[in-house]
Amino acid sequence: MAIRLEKGQRINLEKNNGSKLTDFCVGCNWGAIVTSGGFLGMGKKTQDVDLDLSCVMVDANGNLVDHIYSPLYKHEFLARYGMPPGKVDSNDRALHHSGDDLHGDTEGDDGLDNEIITVDLNRVSPNVQQIFFFLNNCGKEDFSQIPYASIRMYEGTPTHVKEVFASYDVAAEPLYRGTTALIMGKLYRRGGEWKFSAIGDAYPDPNLCETIGRIVNNYAK
């Protein structure tokens, strides 16, 4: 049975059979906003929702050493914050992003995540001590307005969910009303093993660079 993550919860990456979870996906699922429109409310209007699932990696001193976020961010914008261009693979090839979804599900929940980061903990570089996963909304909506926005960790592939290990329901949390950025949680090394901590803190950050700065300054030390 999947763990329903709660803010501040810490979990061991251990499966039901006692083996360690080292190969898995972190995925985010959400829907476009559909409203009625036209004459007498007939018909519907679909508004795209662009959420971005990203991650950053830090060393033992809390310094940023690697990142994964959308390559679609303009270089000029990132440079204003001293951030490098976006990319879909970590330097050690241990993490890979499926690509930027600019729309959300437009025909209802298809059961698959819109953006996925695959993780192979056995390949993570030794200098990486923490991996933070976070979510940003590139539009004007807050999380409470986005249909079934959720994040989960699962065994499988981007197109096939074998077994859900843990899930985090973003849209259902009333405290996320008015917020556009969520620091979901972090993987961290402890005693030679990887563990996971659900952070669950949300902020009205206007862009992912603000969120990355927040992570490095307030969470990574």
N, C-alpha and C. Protein backbone atom coordinates (compact mmCIF):
# COMPACT_ATOMS: atom_id res chain seq x y z
N MET A 1 0.85 -1.20 0.00
CA MET A 1 0.00 0.00 0.00
C MET A 1 0.88 1.24 0.00
N ALA A 2 0.56 2.22 -0.83
CA ALA A 2 1.37 3.42 -0.96
C ALA A 2 1.28 4.28 0.30
N ILE A 3 2.39 4.92 0.64
CA ILE A 3 2.42 5.84 1.76
C ILE A 3 1.87 7.18 1.30
N ARG A 4 0.92 7.71 2.03
CA ARG A 4 0.39 9.04 1.72
C ARG A 4 1.25 10.06 2.49
N LEU A 5 2.11 10.74 1.76
CA LEU A 5 3.09 11.61 2.40
C LEU A 5 2.42 12.77 3.12
N GLU A 6 2.96 13.09 4.27
CA GLU A 6 2.53 14.25 5.03
C GLU A 6 3.74 15.13 5.31
N LYS A 7 3.49 16.41 5.45
CA LYS A 7 4.55 17.38 5.67
C LYS A 7 5.42 16.97 6.87
N GLY A 8 6.74 16.95 6.65
CA GLY A 8 7.68 16.62 7.71
C GLY A 8 7.93 15.15 7.91
N GLN A 9 7.24 14.30 7.17
CA GLN A 9 7.40 12.86 7.33
C GLN A 9 8.72 12.36 6.74
N ARG A 10 9.36 11.43 7.42
CA ARG A 10 10.60 10.81 6.93
C ARG A 10 10.34 9.32 6.71
N ILE A 11 10.82 8.80 5.59
CA ILE A 11 10.57 7.40 5.28
C ILE A 11 11.86 6.74 4.79
N ASN A 12 11.98 5.46 5.11
CA ASN A 12 13.05 4.65 4.55
C ASN A 12 12.64 4.16 3.17
N LEU A 13 13.57 4.12 2.26
CA LEU A 13 13.27 3.65 0.91
C LEU A 13 13.34 2.12 0.88
N GLU A 14 12.33 1.52 1.48
CA GLU A 14 12.30 0.06 1.61
C GLU A 14 10.96 -0.45 1.10
N LYS A 15 11.01 -1.47 0.25
CA LYS A 15 9.80 -2.05 -0.32
C LYS A 15 9.19 -3.08 0.63
N ASN A 16 8.01 -3.57 0.28
CA ASN A 16 7.31 -4.52 1.14
C ASN A 16 8.10 -5.80 1.37
N ASN A 17 8.92 -6.19 0.40
CA ASN A 17 9.69 -7.42 0.54
C ASN A 17 11.02 -7.21 1.28
N GLY A 18 11.26 -5.99 1.75
CA GLY A 18 12.46 -5.70 2.52
C GLY A 18 13.63 -5.19 1.70
N SER A 19 13.55 -5.25 0.38
CA SER A 19 14.63 -4.76 -0.46
C SER A 19 14.57 -3.23 -0.57
N LYS A 20 15.70 -2.62 -0.95
CA LYS A 20 15.78 -1.18 -1.03
C LYS A 20 15.24 -0.67 -2.37
N LEU A 21 14.57 0.45 -2.32
CA LEU A 21 14.08 1.11 -3.52
C LEU A 21 15.19 2.00 -4.06
N THR A 22 15.80 1.61 -5.17
CA THR A 22 16.91 2.37 -5.74
C THR A 22 16.60 2.89 -7.14
N ASP A 23 15.67 2.26 -7.82
CA ASP A 23 15.28 2.63 -9.19
C ASP A 23 13.82 3.01 -9.17
N PHE A 24 13.48 4.27 -9.39
CA PHE A 24 12.08 4.67 -9.31
C PHE A 24 11.85 5.97 -10.07
N CYS A 25 10.60 6.37 -10.11
CA CYS A 25 10.20 7.61 -10.78
C CYS A 25 9.57 8.57 -9.77
N VAL A 26 9.81 9.85 -9.96
CA VAL A 26 9.08 10.90 -9.25
C VAL A 26 8.28 11.63 -10.31
N GLY A 27 6.96 11.54 -10.22
CA GLY A 27 6.12 12.10 -11.27
C GLY A 27 5.08 13.07 -10.75
N CYS A 28 4.70 14.02 -11.58
CA CYS A 28 3.66 14.99 -11.25
C CYS A 28 2.54 14.89 -12.27
N ASN A 29 1.31 14.84 -11.77
CA ASN A 29 0.13 14.72 -12.63
C ASN A 29 -0.79 15.90 -12.36
N TRP A 30 -1.38 16.46 -13.42
CA TRP A 30 -2.34 17.55 -13.24
C TRP A 30 -3.20 17.70 -14.48
N GLY A 31 -4.29 18.42 -14.34
CA GLY A 31 -5.20 18.63 -15.45
C GLY A 31 -5.27 20.08 -15.88
N ALA A 32 -5.62 20.29 -17.14
CA ALA A 32 -5.94 21.63 -17.60
C ALA A 32 -7.23 22.09 -16.91
N ILE A 33 -7.45 23.39 -16.87
CA ILE A 33 -8.65 23.93 -16.24
C ILE A 33 -9.76 24.03 -17.29
N VAL A 34 -10.84 23.31 -17.07
CA VAL A 34 -11.96 23.28 -18.01
C VAL A 34 -13.14 24.01 -17.41
N THR A 35 -13.66 25.01 -18.10
CA THR A 35 -14.81 25.77 -17.64
C THR A 35 -15.88 25.77 -18.72
N SER A 36 -17.12 25.97 -18.31
CA SER A 36 -18.22 26.05 -19.27
C SER A 36 -18.20 27.42 -19.93
N GLY A 37 -18.69 27.50 -21.14
CA GLY A 37 -18.70 28.77 -21.86
C GLY A 37 -19.68 28.74 -23.01
N GLY A 38 -19.70 29.81 -23.75
CA GLY A 38 -20.60 29.88 -24.89
C GLY A 38 -22.03 30.23 -24.50
N PHE A 39 -22.95 30.10 -25.42
CA PHE A 39 -24.36 30.45 -25.23
C PHE A 39 -24.99 29.59 -24.15
N LEU A 40 -25.55 30.22 -23.11
CA LEU A 40 -26.21 29.54 -22.00
C LEU A 40 -25.31 28.52 -21.31
N GLY A 41 -24.01 28.78 -21.37
CA GLY A 41 -23.08 27.88 -20.70
C GLY A 41 -22.82 26.60 -21.44
N MET A 42 -23.29 26.53 -22.67
CA MET A 42 -23.07 25.31 -23.45
C MET A 42 -21.62 25.29 -23.94
N GLY A 43 -21.09 24.11 -24.09
CA GLY A 43 -19.72 23.96 -24.56
C GLY A 43 -18.73 24.12 -23.41
N LYS A 44 -17.47 24.10 -23.73
CA LYS A 44 -16.46 24.22 -22.68
C LYS A 44 -15.25 24.99 -23.19
N LYS A 45 -14.53 25.55 -22.26
CA LYS A 45 -13.30 26.28 -22.56
C LYS A 45 -12.16 25.64 -21.77
N THR A 46 -11.07 25.33 -22.45
CA THR A 46 -9.94 24.67 -21.81
C THR A 46 -8.77 25.63 -21.68
N GLN A 47 -8.28 25.77 -20.46
CA GLN A 47 -7.14 26.64 -20.18
C GLN A 47 -5.93 25.78 -19.83
N ASP A 48 -4.86 25.92 -20.61
CA ASP A 48 -3.64 25.15 -20.35
C ASP A 48 -3.04 25.52 -19.00
N VAL A 49 -2.44 24.54 -18.35
CA VAL A 49 -1.73 24.75 -17.09
C VAL A 49 -0.31 24.21 -17.26
N ASP A 50 0.67 25.05 -17.02
CA ASP A 50 2.07 24.68 -17.20
C ASP A 50 2.76 24.59 -15.84
N LEU A 51 2.83 23.38 -15.30
CA LEU A 51 3.61 23.13 -14.09
C LEU A 51 4.97 22.58 -14.49
N ASP A 52 5.98 22.89 -13.70
CA ASP A 52 7.33 22.40 -13.96
C ASP A 52 7.84 21.62 -12.75
N LEU A 53 8.14 20.34 -12.98
CA LEU A 53 8.77 19.50 -11.97
C LEU A 53 10.28 19.57 -12.17
N SER A 54 11.01 19.90 -11.13
CA SER A 54 12.46 20.09 -11.24
C SER A 54 13.15 19.50 -10.03
N CYS A 55 14.48 19.43 -10.09
CA CYS A 55 15.25 19.01 -8.92
C CYS A 55 16.63 19.65 -8.95
N VAL A 56 17.20 19.82 -7.77
CA VAL A 56 18.57 20.31 -7.64
C VAL A 56 19.32 19.39 -6.69
N MET A 57 20.63 19.28 -6.90
CA MET A 57 21.48 18.42 -6.10
C MET A 57 22.54 19.26 -5.40
N VAL A 58 22.77 18.97 -4.12
CA VAL A 58 23.74 19.74 -3.33
C VAL A 58 24.74 18.80 -2.67
N ASP A 59 25.91 19.34 -2.32
CA ASP A 59 26.95 18.55 -1.68
C ASP A 59 26.83 18.63 -0.16
N ALA A 60 27.83 18.10 0.54
CA ALA A 60 27.78 18.03 2.00
C ALA A 60 27.79 19.41 2.65
N ASN A 61 28.27 20.42 1.93
CA ASN A 61 28.31 21.79 2.46
C ASN A 61 27.10 22.62 2.05
N GLY A 62 26.15 21.98 1.38
CA GLY A 62 24.96 22.69 0.95
C GLY A 62 25.13 23.48 -0.32
N ASN A 63 26.22 23.24 -1.05
CA ASN A 63 26.46 23.96 -2.30
C ASN A 63 25.76 23.26 -3.47
N LEU A 64 25.21 24.06 -4.35
CA LEU A 64 24.54 23.53 -5.53
C LEU A 64 25.58 22.94 -6.49
N VAL A 65 25.42 21.65 -6.84
CA VAL A 65 26.40 21.00 -7.72
C VAL A 65 25.79 20.51 -9.03
N ASP A 66 24.47 20.39 -9.10
CA ASP A 66 23.84 19.94 -10.34
C ASP A 66 22.35 20.28 -10.29
N HIS A 67 21.70 20.16 -11.43
CA HIS A 67 20.29 20.54 -11.52
C HIS A 67 19.62 19.84 -12.69
N ILE A 68 18.30 19.75 -12.61
CA ILE A 68 17.46 19.37 -13.74
C ILE A 68 16.25 20.29 -13.73
N TYR A 69 16.10 21.07 -14.78
CA TYR A 69 14.88 21.84 -15.00
C TYR A 69 14.74 22.11 -16.49
N SER A 70 13.61 22.61 -16.89
CA SER A 70 13.25 22.68 -18.31
C SER A 70 14.26 23.47 -19.14
N PRO A 71 14.70 22.90 -20.27
CA PRO A 71 15.56 23.63 -21.20
C PRO A 71 14.84 24.78 -21.91
N LEU A 72 13.52 24.87 -21.72
CA LEU A 72 12.75 25.92 -22.38
C LEU A 72 12.89 27.28 -21.69
N TYR A 73 13.41 27.30 -20.47
CA TYR A 73 13.64 28.59 -19.81
C TYR A 73 14.68 29.39 -20.60
N LYS A 74 14.40 30.65 -20.80
CA LYS A 74 15.31 31.50 -21.59
C LYS A 74 16.62 31.71 -20.84
N HIS A 75 17.72 31.61 -21.59
CA HIS A 75 19.04 31.75 -20.99
C HIS A 75 19.22 33.12 -20.35
N GLU A 76 18.66 34.16 -20.98
CA GLU A 76 18.81 35.50 -20.45
C GLU A 76 18.13 35.64 -19.09
N PHE A 77 16.98 35.02 -18.96
CA PHE A 77 16.26 35.04 -17.68
C PHE A 77 17.05 34.32 -16.60
N LEU A 78 17.55 33.12 -16.89
CA LEU A 78 18.31 32.35 -15.91
C LEU A 78 19.59 33.07 -15.50
N ALA A 79 20.23 33.73 -16.48
CA ALA A 79 21.50 34.43 -16.21
C ALA A 79 21.31 35.56 -15.20
N ARG A 80 20.13 36.16 -15.16
CA ARG A 80 19.88 37.24 -14.20
C ARG A 80 19.97 36.73 -12.76
N TYR A 81 19.74 35.44 -12.58
CA TYR A 81 19.81 34.83 -11.26
C TYR A 81 21.10 34.03 -11.07
N GLY A 82 21.98 34.09 -12.06
CA GLY A 82 23.23 33.33 -11.98
C GLY A 82 23.04 31.84 -12.16
N MET A 83 21.95 31.44 -12.84
CA MET A 83 21.65 30.03 -13.03
C MET A 83 22.03 29.58 -14.44
N PRO A 84 22.53 28.35 -14.58
CA PRO A 84 22.90 27.82 -15.90
C PRO A 84 21.68 27.41 -16.70
N PRO A 85 21.85 27.12 -18.00
CA PRO A 85 20.73 26.69 -18.83
C PRO A 85 20.10 25.40 -18.30
N GLY A 86 18.84 25.19 -18.62
CA GLY A 86 18.15 23.99 -18.20
C GLY A 86 18.62 22.77 -18.96
N LYS A 87 18.40 21.59 -18.38
CA LYS A 87 18.76 20.34 -19.02
C LYS A 87 17.91 19.22 -18.44
N VAL A 88 17.85 18.09 -19.14
CA VAL A 88 16.99 17.00 -18.71
C VAL A 88 17.74 15.84 -18.07
N ASP A 89 19.09 15.88 -18.06
CA ASP A 89 19.88 14.82 -17.45
C ASP A 89 20.84 15.39 -16.43
N SER A 90 21.01 14.69 -15.30
CA SER A 90 22.04 15.07 -14.35
C SER A 90 23.41 14.73 -14.94
N ASN A 91 24.43 15.33 -14.41
CA ASN A 91 25.78 15.12 -14.95
C ASN A 91 26.21 13.66 -14.86
N ASP A 92 25.76 12.95 -13.82
CA ASP A 92 26.13 11.55 -13.65
C ASP A 92 25.16 10.59 -14.34
N ARG A 93 24.14 11.15 -15.02
CA ARG A 93 23.12 10.38 -15.73
C ARG A 93 22.29 9.51 -14.79
N ALA A 94 22.27 9.85 -13.51
CA ALA A 94 21.46 9.09 -12.55
C ALA A 94 20.00 9.54 -12.55
N LEU A 95 19.75 10.78 -12.99
CA LEU A 95 18.40 11.31 -13.03
C LEU A 95 18.10 11.84 -14.43
N HIS A 96 16.88 11.61 -14.89
CA HIS A 96 16.48 12.04 -16.23
C HIS A 96 15.05 12.58 -16.19
N HIS A 97 14.83 13.72 -16.84
CA HIS A 97 13.51 14.34 -16.91
C HIS A 97 12.85 13.98 -18.24
N SER A 98 11.57 13.68 -18.17
CA SER A 98 10.83 13.24 -19.36
C SER A 98 10.56 14.37 -20.35
N GLY A 99 10.67 15.63 -19.92
CA GLY A 99 10.39 16.76 -20.80
C GLY A 99 9.27 17.63 -20.28
N ASP A 100 9.21 18.86 -20.77
CA ASP A 100 8.28 19.87 -20.27
C ASP A 100 6.89 19.69 -20.88
N ASP A 101 5.88 19.53 -20.02
CA ASP A 101 4.48 19.50 -20.45
C ASP A 101 3.89 20.88 -20.22
N LEU A 102 3.43 21.52 -21.29
CA LEU A 102 2.97 22.90 -21.21
C LEU A 102 1.46 23.03 -21.04
N HIS A 103 0.74 21.90 -20.96
CA HIS A 103 -0.71 21.96 -21.06
C HIS A 103 -1.45 21.31 -19.90
N GLY A 104 -1.02 20.15 -19.41
CA GLY A 104 -1.81 19.36 -18.49
C GLY A 104 -2.77 18.49 -19.25
N ASP A 105 -3.44 17.56 -18.57
CA ASP A 105 -4.41 16.69 -19.23
C ASP A 105 -5.60 17.51 -19.70
N THR A 106 -5.90 17.44 -20.98
CA THR A 106 -7.01 18.23 -21.52
C THR A 106 -8.30 17.43 -21.68
N GLU A 107 -8.22 16.11 -21.52
CA GLU A 107 -9.41 15.27 -21.67
C GLU A 107 -9.65 14.45 -20.41
N GLY A 108 -9.32 15.00 -19.26
CA GLY A 108 -9.49 14.28 -18.01
C GLY A 108 -8.24 13.50 -17.64
N ASP A 109 -8.24 12.98 -16.44
CA ASP A 109 -7.07 12.27 -15.90
C ASP A 109 -6.84 10.97 -16.66
N ASP A 110 -5.67 10.86 -17.31
CA ASP A 110 -5.35 9.65 -18.06
C ASP A 110 -4.59 8.63 -17.23
N GLY A 111 -4.37 8.93 -15.94
CA GLY A 111 -3.71 7.98 -15.06
C GLY A 111 -2.19 8.01 -15.13
N LEU A 112 -1.63 8.80 -16.03
CA LEU A 112 -0.19 8.90 -16.17
C LEU A 112 0.28 10.29 -15.75
N ASP A 113 1.52 10.38 -15.32
CA ASP A 113 2.06 11.66 -14.90
C ASP A 113 2.48 12.49 -16.11
N ASN A 114 2.32 13.80 -16.00
CA ASN A 114 2.65 14.70 -17.10
C ASN A 114 4.15 14.96 -17.20
N GLU A 115 4.81 15.02 -16.07
CA GLU A 115 6.27 15.18 -16.05
C GLU A 115 6.84 14.18 -15.05
N ILE A 116 7.92 13.53 -15.45
CA ILE A 116 8.52 12.48 -14.63
C ILE A 116 10.03 12.65 -14.58
N ILE A 117 10.60 12.50 -13.39
CA ILE A 117 12.05 12.40 -13.24
C ILE A 117 12.37 10.97 -12.81
N THR A 118 13.10 10.23 -13.64
CA THR A 118 13.52 8.89 -13.28
C THR A 118 14.80 8.97 -12.46
N VAL A 119 14.91 8.10 -11.47
CA VAL A 119 16.02 8.14 -10.51
C VAL A 119 16.67 6.76 -10.41
N ASP A 120 18.00 6.73 -10.50
CA ASP A 120 18.78 5.53 -10.24
C ASP A 120 19.80 5.88 -9.17
N LEU A 121 19.49 5.56 -7.92
CA LEU A 121 20.35 5.97 -6.81
C LEU A 121 21.73 5.34 -6.86
N ASN A 122 21.85 4.21 -7.51
CA ASN A 122 23.15 3.55 -7.61
C ASN A 122 24.14 4.32 -8.48
N ARG A 123 23.65 5.25 -9.28
CA ARG A 123 24.51 6.00 -10.19
C ARG A 123 24.77 7.43 -9.73
N VAL A 124 24.18 7.83 -8.62
CA VAL A 124 24.34 9.21 -8.15
C VAL A 124 25.79 9.45 -7.73
N SER A 125 26.35 10.55 -8.17
CA SER A 125 27.73 10.91 -7.86
C SER A 125 27.96 10.97 -6.35
N PRO A 126 29.13 10.50 -5.87
CA PRO A 126 29.42 10.48 -4.42
C PRO A 126 29.36 11.86 -3.77
N ASN A 127 29.59 12.92 -4.53
CA ASN A 127 29.58 14.25 -3.91
C ASN A 127 28.17 14.81 -3.72
N VAL A 128 27.17 14.15 -4.27
CA VAL A 128 25.77 14.58 -4.08
C VAL A 128 25.24 13.96 -2.80
N GLN A 129 24.86 14.81 -1.85
CA GLN A 129 24.37 14.35 -0.55
C GLN A 129 22.87 14.55 -0.38
N GLN A 130 22.29 15.50 -1.11
CA GLN A 130 20.85 15.75 -1.03
C GLN A 130 20.32 16.07 -2.42
N ILE A 131 19.11 15.57 -2.70
CA ILE A 131 18.43 15.86 -3.97
C ILE A 131 17.05 16.40 -3.62
N PHE A 132 16.79 17.64 -3.98
CA PHE A 132 15.51 18.30 -3.68
C PHE A 132 14.61 18.28 -4.91
N PHE A 133 13.35 17.88 -4.72
CA PHE A 133 12.35 17.90 -5.79
C PHE A 133 11.36 19.02 -5.51
N PHE A 134 11.04 19.81 -6.53
CA PHE A 134 10.14 20.93 -6.32
C PHE A 134 9.29 21.19 -7.56
N LEU A 135 8.22 21.95 -7.36
CA LEU A 135 7.22 22.18 -8.40
C LEU A 135 6.95 23.67 -8.50
N ASN A 136 6.89 24.18 -9.73
CA ASN A 136 6.55 25.59 -9.96
C ASN A 136 5.44 25.70 -10.98
N ASN A 137 4.56 26.66 -10.76
CA ASN A 137 3.52 26.96 -11.74
C ASN A 137 3.96 28.17 -12.56
N CYS A 138 4.01 27.98 -13.88
CA CYS A 138 4.44 29.08 -14.76
C CYS A 138 3.29 30.01 -15.12
N GLY A 139 2.08 29.68 -14.68
CA GLY A 139 0.93 30.52 -14.97
C GLY A 139 0.53 31.35 -13.75
N LYS A 140 -0.70 31.84 -13.75
CA LYS A 140 -1.18 32.72 -12.69
C LYS A 140 -2.01 31.98 -11.64
N GLU A 141 -2.36 30.73 -11.90
CA GLU A 141 -3.20 29.98 -10.97
C GLU A 141 -2.39 29.59 -9.73
N ASP A 142 -3.11 29.41 -8.61
CA ASP A 142 -2.44 28.79 -7.48
C ASP A 142 -2.78 27.30 -7.48
N PHE A 143 -2.14 26.53 -6.60
CA PHE A 143 -2.29 25.08 -6.65
C PHE A 143 -3.72 24.62 -6.40
N SER A 144 -4.48 25.38 -5.61
CA SER A 144 -5.85 24.96 -5.30
C SER A 144 -6.76 25.04 -6.52
N GLN A 145 -6.36 25.76 -7.55
CA GLN A 145 -7.18 25.91 -8.75
C GLN A 145 -6.87 24.87 -9.83
N ILE A 146 -5.82 24.07 -9.61
CA ILE A 146 -5.36 23.14 -10.64
C ILE A 146 -5.92 21.75 -10.37
N PRO A 147 -6.69 21.19 -11.30
CA PRO A 147 -7.32 19.89 -11.07
C PRO A 147 -6.32 18.78 -10.76
N TYR A 148 -6.61 18.03 -9.71
CA TYR A 148 -5.90 16.83 -9.25
C TYR A 148 -4.38 16.90 -9.33
N ALA A 149 -3.81 18.07 -9.03
CA ALA A 149 -2.35 18.19 -9.01
C ALA A 149 -1.79 17.33 -7.88
N SER A 150 -0.87 16.43 -8.22
CA SER A 150 -0.30 15.52 -7.23
C SER A 150 1.10 15.09 -7.65
N ILE A 151 1.87 14.64 -6.68
CA ILE A 151 3.22 14.12 -6.93
C ILE A 151 3.31 12.74 -6.30
N ARG A 152 4.00 11.82 -6.96
CA ARG A 152 4.14 10.49 -6.40
C ARG A 152 5.50 9.89 -6.76
N MET A 153 5.92 8.92 -5.94
CA MET A 153 7.12 8.14 -6.20
C MET A 153 6.66 6.71 -6.51
N TYR A 154 7.17 6.13 -7.57
CA TYR A 154 6.70 4.80 -7.92
C TYR A 154 7.75 4.00 -8.69
N GLU A 155 7.63 2.70 -8.61
CA GLU A 155 8.43 1.81 -9.44
C GLU A 155 7.76 1.69 -10.80
N GLY A 156 8.55 1.69 -11.86
CA GLY A 156 8.00 1.56 -13.19
C GLY A 156 8.74 2.43 -14.18
N THR A 157 8.03 2.86 -15.20
CA THR A 157 8.58 3.71 -16.25
C THR A 157 7.64 4.89 -16.45
N PRO A 158 8.03 5.88 -17.26
CA PRO A 158 7.12 7.00 -17.51
C PRO A 158 5.78 6.60 -18.13
N THR A 159 5.71 5.44 -18.75
CA THR A 159 4.45 5.01 -19.39
C THR A 159 3.80 3.84 -18.69
N HIS A 160 4.41 3.31 -17.62
CA HIS A 160 3.83 2.17 -16.91
C HIS A 160 4.14 2.25 -15.43
N VAL A 161 3.10 2.35 -14.62
CA VAL A 161 3.27 2.39 -13.17
C VAL A 161 3.15 0.98 -12.63
N LYS A 162 4.25 0.47 -12.06
CA LYS A 162 4.25 -0.88 -11.50
C LYS A 162 3.67 -0.88 -10.10
N GLU A 163 4.21 -0.02 -9.24
CA GLU A 163 3.73 0.05 -7.86
C GLU A 163 4.05 1.43 -7.29
N VAL A 164 3.03 2.11 -6.77
CA VAL A 164 3.22 3.42 -6.16
C VAL A 164 3.79 3.24 -4.76
N PHE A 165 4.88 3.94 -4.48
CA PHE A 165 5.53 3.83 -3.17
C PHE A 165 5.01 4.91 -2.22
N ALA A 166 4.88 6.13 -2.71
CA ALA A 166 4.41 7.23 -1.87
C ALA A 166 3.76 8.29 -2.76
N SER A 167 2.77 9.00 -2.23
CA SER A 167 2.08 10.02 -3.02
C SER A 167 1.84 11.26 -2.16
N TYR A 168 1.70 12.38 -2.84
CA TYR A 168 1.51 13.67 -2.17
C TYR A 168 0.44 14.43 -2.96
N ASP A 169 -0.73 14.63 -2.34
CA ASP A 169 -1.85 15.28 -3.01
C ASP A 169 -1.76 16.79 -2.82
N VAL A 170 -1.36 17.49 -3.88
CA VAL A 170 -1.13 18.94 -3.79
C VAL A 170 -2.44 19.72 -3.82
N ALA A 171 -3.31 19.39 -4.78
CA ALA A 171 -4.53 20.17 -4.99
C ALA A 171 -5.47 20.10 -3.79
N ALA A 172 -5.41 19.02 -3.01
CA ALA A 172 -6.35 18.83 -1.91
C ALA A 172 -5.94 19.55 -0.63
N GLU A 173 -4.76 20.15 -0.61
CA GLU A 173 -4.27 20.79 0.61
C GLU A 173 -4.71 22.26 0.66
N PRO A 174 -5.60 22.61 1.59
CA PRO A 174 -6.09 24.00 1.65
C PRO A 174 -4.99 25.01 1.96
N LEU A 175 -3.91 24.58 2.64
CA LEU A 175 -2.86 25.54 2.97
C LEU A 175 -2.05 25.97 1.75
N TYR A 176 -2.26 25.30 0.60
CA TYR A 176 -1.54 25.67 -0.61
C TYR A 176 -2.29 26.71 -1.45
N ARG A 177 -3.43 27.12 -0.97
CA ARG A 177 -4.18 28.17 -1.68
C ARG A 177 -3.37 29.46 -1.68
N GLY A 178 -3.23 30.06 -2.86
CA GLY A 178 -2.46 31.29 -2.98
C GLY A 178 -0.97 31.07 -3.22
N THR A 179 -0.54 29.80 -3.35
CA THR A 179 0.88 29.51 -3.56
C THR A 179 1.11 28.95 -4.97
N THR A 180 2.31 29.16 -5.48
CA THR A 180 2.65 28.74 -6.83
C THR A 180 3.94 27.93 -6.91
N ALA A 181 4.55 27.66 -5.76
CA ALA A 181 5.78 26.86 -5.73
C ALA A 181 5.71 25.92 -4.54
N LEU A 182 6.13 24.68 -4.75
CA LEU A 182 6.10 23.68 -3.70
C LEU A 182 7.43 22.95 -3.64
N ILE A 183 8.07 22.97 -2.48
CA ILE A 183 9.25 22.14 -2.25
C ILE A 183 8.73 20.81 -1.72
N MET A 184 8.68 19.81 -2.57
CA MET A 184 8.04 18.54 -2.24
C MET A 184 8.80 17.80 -1.15
N GLY A 185 10.09 17.57 -1.37
CA GLY A 185 10.87 16.80 -0.41
C GLY A 185 12.27 16.58 -0.91
N LYS A 186 13.02 15.79 -0.17
CA LYS A 186 14.40 15.56 -0.55
C LYS A 186 14.81 14.11 -0.30
N LEU A 187 15.67 13.60 -1.17
CA LEU A 187 16.42 12.39 -0.91
C LEU A 187 17.72 12.80 -0.24
N TYR A 188 18.15 12.06 0.77
CA TYR A 188 19.39 12.41 1.45
C TYR A 188 20.11 11.15 1.92
N ARG A 189 21.43 11.24 1.96
CA ARG A 189 22.24 10.12 2.43
C ARG A 189 22.34 10.16 3.96
N ARG A 190 22.20 8.99 4.57
CA ARG A 190 22.35 8.88 6.01
C ARG A 190 22.89 7.49 6.34
N GLY A 191 24.11 7.43 6.90
CA GLY A 191 24.70 6.15 7.24
C GLY A 191 24.91 5.24 6.05
N GLY A 192 25.26 5.83 4.92
CA GLY A 192 25.51 5.04 3.72
C GLY A 192 24.27 4.63 2.96
N GLU A 193 23.09 5.05 3.42
CA GLU A 193 21.84 4.70 2.74
C GLU A 193 21.08 5.97 2.37
N TRP A 194 20.23 5.83 1.36
CA TRP A 194 19.37 6.94 0.95
C TRP A 194 18.06 6.86 1.71
N LYS A 195 17.58 8.01 2.14
CA LYS A 195 16.27 8.14 2.78
C LYS A 195 15.52 9.29 2.12
N PHE A 196 14.24 9.41 2.46
CA PHE A 196 13.42 10.48 1.88
C PHE A 196 12.71 11.24 2.98
N SER A 197 12.71 12.57 2.85
CA SER A 197 12.00 13.44 3.79
C SER A 197 10.99 14.29 3.02
N ALA A 198 9.73 14.21 3.42
CA ALA A 198 8.67 15.01 2.79
C ALA A 198 8.67 16.40 3.43
N ILE A 199 9.01 17.42 2.64
CA ILE A 199 9.07 18.79 3.16
C ILE A 199 7.68 19.45 3.09
N GLY A 200 7.12 19.52 1.90
CA GLY A 200 5.75 20.01 1.75
C GLY A 200 5.53 21.47 2.04
N ASP A 201 6.55 22.30 1.85
CA ASP A 201 6.41 23.74 2.09
C ASP A 201 6.11 24.45 0.77
N ALA A 202 5.10 25.31 0.79
CA ALA A 202 4.68 26.03 -0.42
C ALA A 202 4.86 27.52 -0.25
N TYR A 203 5.15 28.19 -1.37
CA TYR A 203 5.44 29.63 -1.35
C TYR A 203 4.86 30.29 -2.60
N PRO A 204 4.68 31.62 -2.57
CA PRO A 204 4.20 32.35 -3.75
C PRO A 204 5.35 32.78 -4.65
N ASP A 205 6.36 31.94 -4.82
CA ASP A 205 7.52 32.30 -5.64
C ASP A 205 7.10 32.56 -7.08
N PRO A 206 7.56 33.63 -7.70
CA PRO A 206 7.17 33.96 -9.08
C PRO A 206 7.86 33.10 -10.13
N ASN A 207 8.94 32.41 -9.79
CA ASN A 207 9.64 31.58 -10.77
C ASN A 207 10.54 30.57 -10.06
N LEU A 208 11.07 29.62 -10.82
CA LEU A 208 11.84 28.55 -10.20
C LEU A 208 13.18 29.03 -9.66
N CYS A 209 13.75 30.10 -10.20
CA CYS A 209 15.02 30.60 -9.68
C CYS A 209 14.86 31.07 -8.24
N GLU A 210 13.73 31.68 -7.93
CA GLU A 210 13.45 32.09 -6.56
C GLU A 210 13.36 30.86 -5.66
N THR A 211 12.76 29.79 -6.16
CA THR A 211 12.61 28.57 -5.37
C THR A 211 13.96 27.89 -5.15
N ILE A 212 14.79 27.86 -6.18
CA ILE A 212 16.12 27.27 -6.03
C ILE A 212 16.94 28.04 -5.00
N GLY A 213 16.88 29.36 -5.06
CA GLY A 213 17.58 30.17 -4.07
C GLY A 213 17.08 29.89 -2.67
N ARG A 214 15.78 29.69 -2.54
CA ARG A 214 15.19 29.39 -1.23
C ARG A 214 15.71 28.04 -0.70
N ILE A 215 15.77 27.07 -1.60
CA ILE A 215 16.26 25.73 -1.20
C ILE A 215 17.71 25.80 -0.73
N VAL A 216 18.55 26.45 -1.52
CA VAL A 216 19.97 26.51 -1.19
C VAL A 216 20.21 27.28 0.11
N ASN A 217 19.48 28.37 0.29
CA ASN A 217 19.72 29.23 1.47
C ASN A 217 19.06 28.72 2.75
N ASN A 218 17.91 28.03 2.62
CA ASN A 218 17.13 27.70 3.81
C ASN A 218 16.98 26.21 4.10
N TYR A 219 17.22 25.36 3.11
CA TYR A 219 16.94 23.94 3.31
C TYR A 219 18.17 23.04 3.15
N ALA A 220 19.17 23.49 2.44
CA ALA A 220 20.29 22.62 2.08
C ALA A 220 21.41 22.60 3.10
N LYS A 221 21.42 23.55 4.02
CA LYS A 221 22.54 23.65 4.97
C LYS A 221 22.41 22.62 6.09
